[in-house]
Amino acid sequence: MQLPVQSHSTLYAEGWEAEAGPDDLLEIARAADRAGFDYLASCDHVGIPRRLAAAMSTVWYDPVATLAFLAAATERVRLLSHVAIVGLRHPLLTAKQYATLDHLSGGRLILGVGAGHVQEEFEALGVDFRQRGPVLDECLDALRAALGPDEFPEHHGKLYDFEGLGQRPRPVQDRVPVWVGGSSPAAVRRAALKGDGWLPQGDPRDRLPAQIARIRKLREEARVQGPFTVGAIVEPLYVGTPRWEVGRRTLTGGPQELAESLRAYRAMGVHQIQVRFRSRSRGELTDQIAAFGAEVAPEL
């Protein structure tokens, strides 16, 4: 699941999150860890322009700081940046931050990356917004080197050129999984050819099969080998029968009913689902997490 509290976009934030803080994040992370969730995710924005602040909010916790904070409070759940806008930063800086996170967490990092969409962020940081796709492509190549096993990574490209600079600690993982976010044709192609997984952004159920088929075709044509994780963000959930208005699109019901609906994603070729629970308080959310882990997840 993507963590609440750490971003307050009006697309998904619940009302109680406005007054929430670090203690709430800790309890939610611990609940997900106990319930057997695979990962916790945190978003990335450096700054939100005034024109978007009403919809997006300006509350966006830094993902490296947030995930490191939660790594010390959890034991097994993995830590995902969903997604890091890595083109805003030099890949050596990104590698230093995330390699340290992987080291401190005992190898629990999943690096989710995306191209970004807020032009003013790029302009303020001196990065060409119109070239963010090619920038991300080279960042991925540079990060493969910088997050690999070599103490002195090497990369020679059009935008970034480095060698002879040692970085330790190295990641615990031999290969940090890199999942590429986005649902545009360019993002899907980037995920298929350069990523270890795909994080769709807003694809409804009926659009996923065609996207997954395209990824498979692209990988086959390019003869890309290795495991690949297909993700999906599912409809909002509520385990049980809600006594309040949870929204027309929210999936509700008992464990068997919810599991039957969610198994449709597996049939499409999805490997991991990202869930979001409707809630009116931290307590209701942690109860939902516990119920899902104990009653729904075993049916999946």
C-alpha atoms as a PDB file:
ATOM      1  CA  MET A   1       0.000   0.000   0.000  1.00  0.00           C
ATOM      2  CA  GLN A   2       0.929   3.617  -0.472  1.00  0.00           C
ATOM      3  CA  LEU A   3       1.181   5.285   2.898  1.00  0.00           C
ATOM      4  CA  PRO A   4      -1.373   7.872   3.950  1.00  0.00           C
ATOM      5  CA  VAL A   5      -0.315  11.112   5.687  1.00  0.00           C
ATOM      6  CA  GLN A   6       2.904  11.476   3.635  1.00  0.00           C
ATOM      7  CA  SER A   7       0.998  13.096   0.758  1.00  0.00           C
ATOM      8  CA  HIS A   8      -2.289  14.980   0.875  1.00  0.00           C
ATOM      9  CA  SER A   9      -3.479  14.990  -2.724  1.00  0.00           C
ATOM     10  CA  THR A  10      -7.240  15.457  -2.918  1.00  0.00           C
ATOM     11  CA  LEU A  11      -7.367  12.428  -5.227  1.00  0.00           C
ATOM     12  CA  TYR A  12      -7.001  10.064  -2.278  1.00  0.00           C
ATOM     13  CA  ALA A  13      -6.336  11.716   1.100  1.00  0.00           C
ATOM     14  CA  GLU A  14      -8.926  11.094   3.824  1.00  0.00           C
ATOM     15  CA  GLY A  15     -10.141  13.918   6.044  1.00  0.00           C
ATOM     16  CA  TRP A  16      -8.433  12.658   9.207  1.00  0.00           C
ATOM     17  CA  GLU A  17      -4.992  12.819   7.558  1.00  0.00           C
ATOM     18  CA  ALA A  18      -4.933  16.637   7.749  1.00  0.00           C
ATOM     19  CA  GLU A  19      -4.152  16.473  11.477  1.00  0.00           C
ATOM     20  CA  ALA A  20      -2.024  13.306  11.341  1.00  0.00           C
ATOM     21  CA  GLY A  21       1.745  13.089  11.681  1.00  0.00           C
ATOM     22  CA  PRO A  22       4.766  10.867  12.384  1.00  0.00           C
ATOM     23  CA  ASP A  23       3.127   8.832  15.155  1.00  0.00           C
ATOM     24  CA  ASP A  24       0.295   7.899  12.806  1.00  0.00           C
ATOM     25  CA  LEU A  25       2.732   6.898  10.087  1.00  0.00           C
ATOM     26  CA  LEU A  26       4.578   4.649  12.549  1.00  0.00           C
ATOM     27  CA  GLU A  27       1.434   2.864  13.701  1.00  0.00           C
ATOM     28  CA  ILE A  28       0.191   2.340  10.139  1.00  0.00           C
ATOM     29  CA  ALA A  29       3.576   1.020   8.997  1.00  0.00           C
ATOM     30  CA  ARG A  30       3.752  -1.377  11.942  1.00  0.00           C
ATOM     31  CA  ALA A  31       0.203  -2.569  11.257  1.00  0.00           C
ATOM     32  CA  ALA A  32       1.074  -3.318   7.625  1.00  0.00           C
ATOM     33  CA  ASP A  33       4.272  -5.069   8.685  1.00  0.00           C
ATOM     34  CA  ARG A  34       2.355  -7.299  11.133  1.00  0.00           C
ATOM     35  CA  ALA A  35      -0.371  -8.007   8.577  1.00  0.00           C
ATOM     36  CA  GLY A  36       2.087  -9.389   6.021  1.00  0.00           C
ATOM     37  CA  PHE A  37       1.919  -6.604   3.459  1.00  0.00           C
ATOM     38  CA  ASP A  38       4.649  -6.760   0.828  1.00  0.00           C
ATOM     39  CA  TYR A  39       5.619  -3.086   0.711  1.00  0.00           C
ATOM     40  CA  LEU A  40       4.932   0.426   1.938  1.00  0.00           C
ATOM     41  CA  ALA A  41       5.232   3.249  -0.591  1.00  0.00           C
ATOM     42  CA  SER A  42       6.041   6.952  -0.355  1.00  0.00           C
ATOM     43  CA  CYS A  43       5.717   9.635  -3.071  1.00  0.00           C
ATOM     44  CA  ASP A  44       8.138  12.287  -4.304  1.00  0.00           C
ATOM     45  CA  HIS A  45       7.672  15.975  -5.045  1.00  0.00           C
ATOM     46  CA  VAL A  46      10.177  18.727  -4.257  1.00  0.00           C
ATOM     47  CA  GLY A  47       7.752  21.642  -4.480  1.00  0.00           C
ATOM     48  CA  ILE A  48       4.183  22.260  -5.637  1.00  0.00           C
ATOM     49  CA  PRO A  49       3.373  25.454  -7.586  1.00  0.00           C
ATOM     50  CA  ARG A  50       0.522  27.660  -6.445  1.00  0.00           C
ATOM     51  CA  ARG A  51      -1.596  26.758  -9.483  1.00  0.00           C
ATOM     52  CA  LEU A  52      -1.710  23.093  -8.351  1.00  0.00           C
ATOM     53  CA  ALA A  53      -1.612  23.514  -4.569  1.00  0.00           C
ATOM     54  CA  ALA A  54      -5.391  23.393  -4.041  1.00  0.00           C
ATOM     55  CA  ALA A  55      -5.667  19.970  -5.712  1.00  0.00           C
ATOM     56  CA  MET A  56      -2.298  18.419  -4.902  1.00  0.00           C
ATOM     57  CA  SER A  57      -1.623  20.108  -1.526  1.00  0.00           C
ATOM     58  CA  THR A  58       1.924  21.073  -0.601  1.00  0.00           C
ATOM     59  CA  VAL A  59       2.274  18.162   1.853  1.00  0.00           C
ATOM     60  CA  TRP A  60       4.685  15.704   0.256  1.00  0.00           C
ATOM     61  CA  TYR A  61       7.127  14.043   2.633  1.00  0.00           C
ATOM     62  CA  ASP A  62      10.554  13.227   1.255  1.00  0.00           C
ATOM     63  CA  PRO A  63      10.532   9.511   0.354  1.00  0.00           C
ATOM     64  CA  VAL A  64      14.074   8.677   1.458  1.00  0.00           C
ATOM     65  CA  ALA A  65      13.640  10.312   4.857  1.00  0.00           C
ATOM     66  CA  THR A  66      10.171   8.808   5.315  1.00  0.00           C
ATOM     67  CA  LEU A  67      11.105   5.265   4.326  1.00  0.00           C
ATOM     68  CA  ALA A  68      14.280   5.357   6.420  1.00  0.00           C
ATOM     69  CA  PHE A  69      12.240   6.549   9.411  1.00  0.00           C
ATOM     70  CA  LEU A  70       9.860   3.611   8.958  1.00  0.00           C
ATOM     71  CA  ALA A  71      12.605   1.074   8.246  1.00  0.00           C
ATOM     72  CA  ALA A  72      13.756   1.341  11.847  1.00  0.00           C
ATOM     73  CA  ALA A  73      10.213   0.676  13.113  1.00  0.00           C
ATOM     74  CA  THR A  74       9.446  -2.358  10.922  1.00  0.00           C
ATOM     75  CA  GLU A  75      10.994  -5.754  10.394  1.00  0.00           C
ATOM     76  CA  ARG A  76      10.114  -7.314   7.062  1.00  0.00           C
ATOM     77  CA  VAL A  77       7.915  -5.058   4.909  1.00  0.00           C
ATOM     78  CA  ARG A  78       9.693  -3.687   1.838  1.00  0.00           C
ATOM     79  CA  LEU A  79      10.134   0.036   1.125  1.00  0.00           C
ATOM     80  CA  LEU A  80       9.062   1.460  -2.239  1.00  0.00           C
ATOM     81  CA  SER A  81       9.458   4.941  -3.702  1.00  0.00           C
ATOM     82  CA  HIS A  82       6.265   5.370  -5.695  1.00  0.00           C
ATOM     83  CA  VAL A  83       7.625   7.152  -7.534  1.00  0.00           C
ATOM     84  CA  ALA A  84      10.951   8.914  -7.218  1.00  0.00           C
ATOM     85  CA  ILE A  85      11.391  11.617  -9.860  1.00  0.00           C
ATOM     86  CA  VAL A  86      15.011  10.677 -10.315  1.00  0.00           C
ATOM     87  CA  GLY A  87      15.545  13.056 -13.245  1.00  0.00           C
ATOM     88  CA  LEU A  88      15.439  15.987 -10.803  1.00  0.00           C
ATOM     89  CA  ARG A  89      18.688  14.847  -9.176  1.00  0.00           C
ATOM     90  CA  HIS A  90      22.093  13.640 -10.305  1.00  0.00           C
ATOM     91  CA  PRO A  91      22.123   9.817 -10.350  1.00  0.00           C
ATOM     92  CA  LEU A  92      25.120   9.675  -8.008  1.00  0.00           C
ATOM     93  CA  LEU A  93      23.130  11.630  -5.422  1.00  0.00           C
ATOM     94  CA  THR A  94      20.100   9.376  -5.888  1.00  0.00           C
ATOM     95  CA  ALA A  95      22.300   6.287  -5.631  1.00  0.00           C
ATOM     96  CA  LYS A  96      23.931   7.529  -2.430  1.00  0.00           C
ATOM     97  CA  GLN A  97      20.546   8.097  -0.783  1.00  0.00           C
ATOM     98  CA  TYR A  98      18.854   4.883  -1.840  1.00  0.00           C
ATOM     99  CA  ALA A  99      21.908   2.636  -1.409  1.00  0.00           C
ATOM    100  CA  THR A 100      22.131   3.895   2.169  1.00  0.00           C
ATOM    101  CA  LEU A 101      18.417   3.176   2.651  1.00  0.00           C
ATOM    102  CA  ASP A 102      18.847  -0.356   1.341  1.00  0.00           C
ATOM    103  CA  HIS A 103      21.857  -0.852   3.623  1.00  0.00           C
ATOM    104  CA  LEU A 104      20.107   0.491   6.722  1.00  0.00           C
ATOM    105  CA  SER A 105      16.934  -1.526   6.086  1.00  0.00           C
ATOM    106  CA  GLY A 106      18.707  -4.822   5.484  1.00  0.00           C
ATOM    107  CA  GLY A 107      17.978  -4.966   1.749  1.00  0.00           C
ATOM    108  CA  ARG A 108      14.302  -3.972   1.669  1.00  0.00           C
ATOM    109  CA  LEU A 109      14.397  -1.236  -0.992  1.00  0.00           C
ATOM    110  CA  ILE A 110      12.363  -1.226  -4.196  1.00  0.00           C
ATOM    111  CA  LEU A 111      13.221   1.819  -6.296  1.00  0.00           C
ATOM    112  CA  GLY A 112      10.141   3.050  -8.109  1.00  0.00           C
ATOM    113  CA  VAL A 113      10.868   5.784 -10.650  1.00  0.00           C
ATOM    114  CA  GLY A 114       8.875   8.085 -12.882  1.00  0.00           C
ATOM    115  CA  ALA A 115       9.318  10.969 -15.305  1.00  0.00           C
ATOM    116  CA  GLY A 116       7.392  13.586 -13.303  1.00  0.00           C
ATOM    117  CA  HIS A 117       4.674  15.972 -14.451  1.00  0.00           C
ATOM    118  CA  VAL A 118       5.078  19.302 -12.630  1.00  0.00           C
ATOM    119  CA  GLN A 119       6.929  21.669 -14.965  1.00  0.00           C
ATOM    120  CA  GLU A 120       7.771  24.267 -12.313  1.00  0.00           C
ATOM    121  CA  GLU A 121       9.721  21.693 -10.271  1.00  0.00           C
ATOM    122  CA  PHE A 122      12.001  21.005 -13.197  1.00  0.00           C
ATOM    123  CA  GLU A 123      12.476  24.678 -14.013  1.00  0.00           C
ATOM    124  CA  ALA A 124      13.364  25.558 -10.408  1.00  0.00           C
ATOM    125  CA  LEU A 125      15.978  22.797 -10.299  1.00  0.00           C
ATOM    126  CA  GLY A 126      17.447  23.608 -13.706  1.00  0.00           C
ATOM    127  CA  VAL A 127      16.223  20.482 -15.524  1.00  0.00           C
ATOM    128  CA  ASP A 128      14.613  20.628 -18.980  1.00  0.00           C
ATOM    129  CA  PHE A 129      11.000  19.542 -18.496  1.00  0.00           C
ATOM    130  CA  ARG A 130      10.536  18.780 -22.192  1.00  0.00           C
ATOM    131  CA  GLN A 131      13.447  16.334 -22.107  1.00  0.00           C
ATOM    132  CA  ARG A 132      12.357  14.514 -18.941  1.00  0.00           C
ATOM    133  CA  GLY A 133      11.811  11.252 -20.833  1.00  0.00           C
ATOM    134  CA  PRO A 134      15.330  10.996 -22.252  1.00  0.00           C
ATOM    135  CA  VAL A 135      16.705  12.248 -18.917  1.00  0.00           C
ATOM    136  CA  LEU A 136      14.929   9.416 -17.097  1.00  0.00           C
ATOM    137  CA  ASP A 137      16.160   6.881 -19.650  1.00  0.00           C
ATOM    138  CA  GLU A 138      19.770   7.796 -19.013  1.00  0.00           C
ATOM    139  CA  CYS A 139      19.184   8.064 -15.268  1.00  0.00           C
ATOM    140  CA  LEU A 140      18.044   4.450 -15.282  1.00  0.00           C
ATOM    141  CA  ASP A 141      21.248   3.333 -17.009  1.00  0.00           C
ATOM    142  CA  ALA A 142      23.374   5.401 -14.637  1.00  0.00           C
ATOM    143  CA  LEU A 143      21.508   4.105 -11.580  1.00  0.00           C
ATOM    144  CA  ARG A 144      21.998   0.504 -12.674  1.00  0.00           C
ATOM    145  CA  ALA A 145      25.728   1.148 -12.474  1.00  0.00           C
ATOM    146  CA  ALA A 146      25.651   3.282  -9.332  1.00  0.00           C
ATOM    147  CA  LEU A 147      23.444   0.826  -7.398  1.00  0.00           C
ATOM    148  CA  GLY A 148      25.364  -2.222  -8.558  1.00  0.00           C
ATOM    149  CA  PRO A 149      28.066  -4.120  -6.676  1.00  0.00           C
ATOM    150  CA  ASP A 150      31.017  -1.940  -7.705  1.00  0.00           C
ATOM    151  CA  GLU A 151      32.414   0.407  -5.074  1.00  0.00           C
ATOM    152  CA  PHE A 152      33.606   2.685  -7.905  1.00  0.00           C
ATOM    153  CA  PRO A 153      30.697   2.713 -10.387  1.00  0.00           C
ATOM    154  CA  GLU A 154      31.210   3.897 -13.948  1.00  0.00           C
ATOM    155  CA  HIS A 155      28.830   5.477 -16.448  1.00  0.00           C
ATOM    156  CA  HIS A 156      29.536   7.462 -19.618  1.00  0.00           C
ATOM    157  CA  GLY A 157      26.497   9.028 -21.280  1.00  0.00           C
ATOM    158  CA  LYS A 158      25.245  12.182 -22.936  1.00  0.00           C
ATOM    159  CA  LEU A 159      24.058  13.788 -19.696  1.00  0.00           C
ATOM    160  CA  TYR A 160      26.023  12.085 -16.937  1.00  0.00           C
ATOM    161  CA  ASP A 161      29.639  10.988 -16.889  1.00  0.00           C
ATOM    162  CA  PHE A 162      31.356   9.506 -13.859  1.00  0.00           C
ATOM    163  CA  GLU A 163      34.016   7.027 -12.810  1.00  0.00           C
ATOM    164  CA  GLY A 164      36.601   6.714 -10.064  1.00  0.00           C
ATOM    165  CA  LEU A 165      34.297   7.974  -7.311  1.00  0.00           C
ATOM    166  CA  GLY A 166      33.778   5.409  -4.576  1.00  0.00           C
ATOM    167  CA  GLN A 167      30.441   5.097  -2.795  1.00  0.00           C
ATOM    168  CA  ARG A 168      29.888   3.039   0.301  1.00  0.00           C
ATOM    169  CA  PRO A 169      27.856   1.587   1.873  1.00  0.00           C
ATOM    170  CA  ARG A 170      26.754  -0.510  -1.057  1.00  0.00           C
ATOM    171  CA  PRO A 171      23.194  -1.855  -1.258  1.00  0.00           C
ATOM    172  CA  VAL A 172      22.606  -5.144   0.532  1.00  0.00           C
ATOM    173  CA  GLN A 173      20.773  -6.492  -2.520  1.00  0.00           C
ATOM    174  CA  ASP A 174      22.883  -7.677  -5.451  1.00  0.00           C
ATOM    175  CA  ARG A 175      20.341  -6.024  -7.758  1.00  0.00           C
ATOM    176  CA  VAL A 176      17.994  -3.387  -6.390  1.00  0.00           C
ATOM    177  CA  PRO A 177      14.614  -3.873  -8.114  1.00  0.00           C
ATOM    178  CA  VAL A 178      13.694  -0.890 -10.264  1.00  0.00           C
ATOM    179  CA  TRP A 179       9.999  -0.509 -11.054  1.00  0.00           C
ATOM    180  CA  VAL A 180       8.987   2.103 -13.635  1.00  0.00           C
ATOM    181  CA  GLY A 181       5.791   4.081 -13.084  1.00  0.00           C
ATOM    182  CA  GLY A 182       3.403   5.562 -15.615  1.00  0.00           C
ATOM    183  CA  SER A 183       0.845   4.463 -18.173  1.00  0.00           C
ATOM    184  CA  SER A 184       1.729   6.510 -21.248  1.00  0.00           C
ATOM    185  CA  PRO A 185       3.134   4.586 -24.239  1.00  0.00           C
ATOM    186  CA  ALA A 186       6.618   5.925 -23.450  1.00  0.00           C
ATOM    187  CA  ALA A 187       6.382   4.900 -19.780  1.00  0.00           C
ATOM    188  CA  VAL A 188       5.154   1.401 -20.617  1.00  0.00           C
ATOM    189  CA  ARG A 189       7.950   0.956 -23.136  1.00  0.00           C
ATOM    190  CA  ARG A 190      10.504   2.236 -20.607  1.00  0.00           C
ATOM    191  CA  ALA A 191       9.223  -0.205 -17.989  1.00  0.00           C
ATOM    192  CA  ALA A 192       9.364  -3.132 -20.398  1.00  0.00           C
ATOM    193  CA  LEU A 193      12.870  -2.457 -21.680  1.00  0.00           C
ATOM    194  CA  LYS A 194      14.648  -0.877 -18.709  1.00  0.00           C
ATOM    195  CA  GLY A 195      12.744  -1.918 -15.597  1.00  0.00           C
ATOM    196  CA  ASP A 196      12.292  -4.913 -13.340  1.00  0.00           C
ATOM    197  CA  GLY A 197       8.622  -4.058 -12.964  1.00  0.00           C
ATOM    198  CA  TRP A 198       5.786  -1.754 -13.984  1.00  0.00           C
ATOM    199  CA  LEU A 199       3.732   0.533 -11.729  1.00  0.00           C
ATOM    200  CA  PRO A 200       0.658   1.617 -13.700  1.00  0.00           C
ATOM    201  CA  GLN A 201      -0.843   4.984 -12.933  1.00  0.00           C
ATOM    202  CA  GLY A 202      -4.613   5.108 -13.140  1.00  0.00           C
ATOM    203  CA  ASP A 203      -5.229   2.196 -15.504  1.00  0.00           C
ATOM    204  CA  PRO A 204      -8.710   0.742 -14.873  1.00  0.00           C
ATOM    205  CA  ARG A 205      -9.225  -3.008 -14.995  1.00  0.00           C
ATOM    206  CA  ASP A 206     -10.404  -3.078 -18.584  1.00  0.00           C
ATOM    207  CA  ARG A 207      -7.259  -1.342 -19.846  1.00  0.00           C
ATOM    208  CA  LEU A 208      -4.701  -3.490 -18.031  1.00  0.00           C
ATOM    209  CA  PRO A 209      -4.737  -6.615 -20.250  1.00  0.00           C
ATOM    210  CA  ALA A 210      -3.715  -4.661 -23.354  1.00  0.00           C
ATOM    211  CA  GLN A 211      -0.960  -2.842 -21.446  1.00  0.00           C
ATOM    212  CA  ILE A 212       0.377  -6.119 -20.032  1.00  0.00           C
ATOM    213  CA  ALA A 213       0.295  -7.732 -23.470  1.00  0.00           C
ATOM    214  CA  ARG A 214       2.289  -4.815 -24.885  1.00  0.00           C
ATOM    215  CA  ILE A 215       4.919  -5.163 -22.168  1.00  0.00           C
ATOM    216  CA  ARG A 216       5.299  -8.865 -22.902  1.00  0.00           C
ATOM    217  CA  LYS A 217       5.597  -8.213 -26.630  1.00  0.00           C
ATOM    218  CA  LEU A 218       8.185  -5.476 -26.166  1.00  0.00           C
ATOM    219  CA  ARG A 219      10.297  -7.679 -23.894  1.00  0.00           C
ATOM    220  CA  GLU A 220      10.070 -10.629 -26.270  1.00  0.00           C
ATOM    221  CA  GLU A 221      11.015  -8.537 -29.296  1.00  0.00           C
ATOM    222  CA  ALA A 222      13.995  -7.020 -27.454  1.00  0.00           C
ATOM    223  CA  ARG A 223      14.899 -10.405 -25.920  1.00  0.00           C
ATOM    224  CA  VAL A 224      14.949  -8.897 -22.441  1.00  0.00           C
ATOM    225  CA  GLN A 225      15.493 -11.620 -19.865  1.00  0.00           C
ATOM    226  CA  GLY A 226      14.926 -11.838 -16.120  1.00  0.00           C
ATOM    227  CA  PRO A 227      11.973 -11.598 -13.756  1.00  0.00           C
ATOM    228  CA  PHE A 228       9.480  -8.790 -14.242  1.00  0.00           C
ATOM    229  CA  THR A 229       6.805  -7.669 -11.759  1.00  0.00           C
ATOM    230  CA  VAL A 230       3.514  -6.323 -13.104  1.00  0.00           C
ATOM    231  CA  GLY A 231       1.590  -4.168 -10.648  1.00  0.00           C
ATOM    232  CA  ALA A 232      -1.882  -2.682 -10.407  1.00  0.00           C
ATOM    233  CA  ILE A 233      -3.555  -0.076  -8.229  1.00  0.00           C
ATOM    234  CA  VAL A 234      -6.921  -1.561  -7.331  1.00  0.00           C
ATOM    235  CA  GLU A 235     -10.197   0.150  -6.516  1.00  0.00           C
ATOM    236  CA  PRO A 236     -10.588   1.573  -2.988  1.00  0.00           C
ATOM    237  CA  LEU A 237     -11.470  -1.161  -0.497  1.00  0.00           C
ATOM    238  CA  TYR A 238     -13.472  -1.597   2.682  1.00  0.00           C
ATOM    239  CA  VAL A 239     -13.417  -4.980   4.410  1.00  0.00           C
ATOM    240  CA  GLY A 240     -16.918  -5.722   5.699  1.00  0.00           C
ATOM    241  CA  THR A 241     -20.143  -3.749   5.404  1.00  0.00           C
ATOM    242  CA  PRO A 242     -19.546  -0.010   5.891  1.00  0.00           C
ATOM    243  CA  ARG A 243     -22.008   2.062   7.893  1.00  0.00           C
ATOM    244  CA  TRP A 244     -20.969   5.249   6.140  1.00  0.00           C
ATOM    245  CA  GLU A 245     -20.653   6.483   2.566  1.00  0.00           C
ATOM    246  CA  VAL A 246     -17.425   4.999   1.196  1.00  0.00           C
ATOM    247  CA  GLY A 247     -17.928   5.979  -2.444  1.00  0.00           C
ATOM    248  CA  ARG A 248     -19.476   4.368  -5.477  1.00  0.00           C
ATOM    249  CA  ARG A 249     -16.292   2.761  -6.763  1.00  0.00           C
ATOM    250  CA  THR A 250     -15.209   1.235  -3.447  1.00  0.00           C
ATOM    251  CA  LEU A 251     -15.148  -2.561  -3.267  1.00  0.00           C
ATOM    252  CA  THR A 252     -16.869  -3.734  -0.091  1.00  0.00           C
ATOM    253  CA  GLY A 253     -17.934  -7.042   1.399  1.00  0.00           C
ATOM    254  CA  GLY A 254     -16.667 -10.081   3.211  1.00  0.00           C
ATOM    255  CA  PRO A 255     -13.276 -11.745   2.662  1.00  0.00           C
ATOM    256  CA  GLN A 256     -14.488 -14.239   0.064  1.00  0.00           C
ATOM    257  CA  GLU A 257     -16.328 -11.573  -1.904  1.00  0.00           C
ATOM    258  CA  LEU A 258     -13.378  -9.201  -1.968  1.00  0.00           C
ATOM    259  CA  ALA A 259     -10.900 -11.961  -2.782  1.00  0.00           C
ATOM    260  CA  GLU A 260     -13.005 -13.156  -5.694  1.00  0.00           C
ATOM    261  CA  SER A 261     -13.007  -9.667  -7.170  1.00  0.00           C
ATOM    262  CA  LEU A 262      -9.269  -9.143  -6.629  1.00  0.00           C
ATOM    263  CA  ARG A 263      -8.296 -12.515  -8.097  1.00  0.00           C
ATOM    264  CA  ALA A 264      -9.322 -11.093 -11.468  1.00  0.00           C
ATOM    265  CA  TYR A 265      -6.089  -9.104 -11.420  1.00  0.00           C
ATOM    266  CA  ARG A 266      -4.030 -12.273 -11.126  1.00  0.00           C
ATOM    267  CA  ALA A 267      -5.894 -13.732 -14.098  1.00  0.00           C
ATOM    268  CA  MET A 268      -4.773 -10.717 -16.168  1.00  0.00           C
ATOM    269  CA  GLY A 269      -1.111 -11.383 -15.353  1.00  0.00           C
ATOM    270  CA  VAL A 270      -0.718  -8.973 -12.427  1.00  0.00           C
ATOM    271  CA  HIS A 271       1.812 -10.025  -9.762  1.00  0.00           C
ATOM    272  CA  GLN A 272       1.257  -7.410  -7.041  1.00  0.00           C
ATOM    273  CA  ILE A 273      -1.670  -5.180  -6.172  1.00  0.00           C
ATOM    274  CA  GLN A 274      -1.494  -1.863  -4.359  1.00  0.00           C
ATOM    275  CA  VAL A 275      -4.481  -1.382  -2.065  1.00  0.00           C
ATOM    276  CA  ARG A 276      -6.070   1.649  -0.426  1.00  0.00           C
ATOM    277  CA  PHE A 277      -8.663   1.431   2.321  1.00  0.00           C
ATOM    278  CA  ARG A 278     -11.378   3.988   2.982  1.00  0.00           C
ATOM    279  CA  SER A 279     -11.192   5.163   6.586  1.00  0.00           C
ATOM    280  CA  ARG A 280     -12.303   7.902   8.983  1.00  0.00           C
ATOM    281  CA  SER A 281      -9.454   7.588  11.468  1.00  0.00           C
ATOM    282  CA  ARG A 282      -6.079   5.962  12.018  1.00  0.00           C
ATOM    283  CA  GLY A 283      -7.751   3.302  14.129  1.00  0.00           C
ATOM    284  CA  GLU A 284     -10.227   2.407  11.412  1.00  0.00           C
ATOM    285  CA  LEU A 285      -7.400   2.204   8.876  1.00  0.00           C
ATOM    286  CA  THR A 286      -5.223  -0.087  11.012  1.00  0.00           C
ATOM    287  CA  ASP A 287      -8.296  -2.271  11.666  1.00  0.00           C
ATOM    288  CA  GLN A 288      -8.856  -2.497   7.914  1.00  0.00           C
ATOM    289  CA  ILE A 289      -5.201  -3.404   7.352  1.00  0.00           C
ATOM    290  CA  ALA A 290      -5.375  -6.139   9.994  1.00  0.00           C
ATOM    291  CA  ALA A 291      -8.642  -7.530   8.613  1.00  0.00           C
ATOM    292  CA  PHE A 292      -7.312  -7.592   5.078  1.00  0.00           C
ATOM    293  CA  GLY A 293      -4.100  -9.349   6.145  1.00  0.00           C
ATOM    294  CA  ALA A 294      -5.868 -11.941   8.272  1.00  0.00           C
ATOM    295  CA  GLU A 295      -9.002 -12.618   6.230  1.00  0.00           C
ATOM    296  CA  VAL A 296      -8.633 -11.498   2.613  1.00  0.00           C
ATOM    297  CA  ALA A 297      -4.966 -12.013   1.763  1.00  0.00           C
ATOM    298  CA  PRO A 298      -4.997 -15.776   2.519  1.00  0.00           C
ATOM    299  CA  GLU A 299      -7.749 -16.139  -0.091  1.00  0.00           C
ATOM    300  CA  LEU A 300      -5.504 -14.571  -2.722  1.00  0.00           C
END
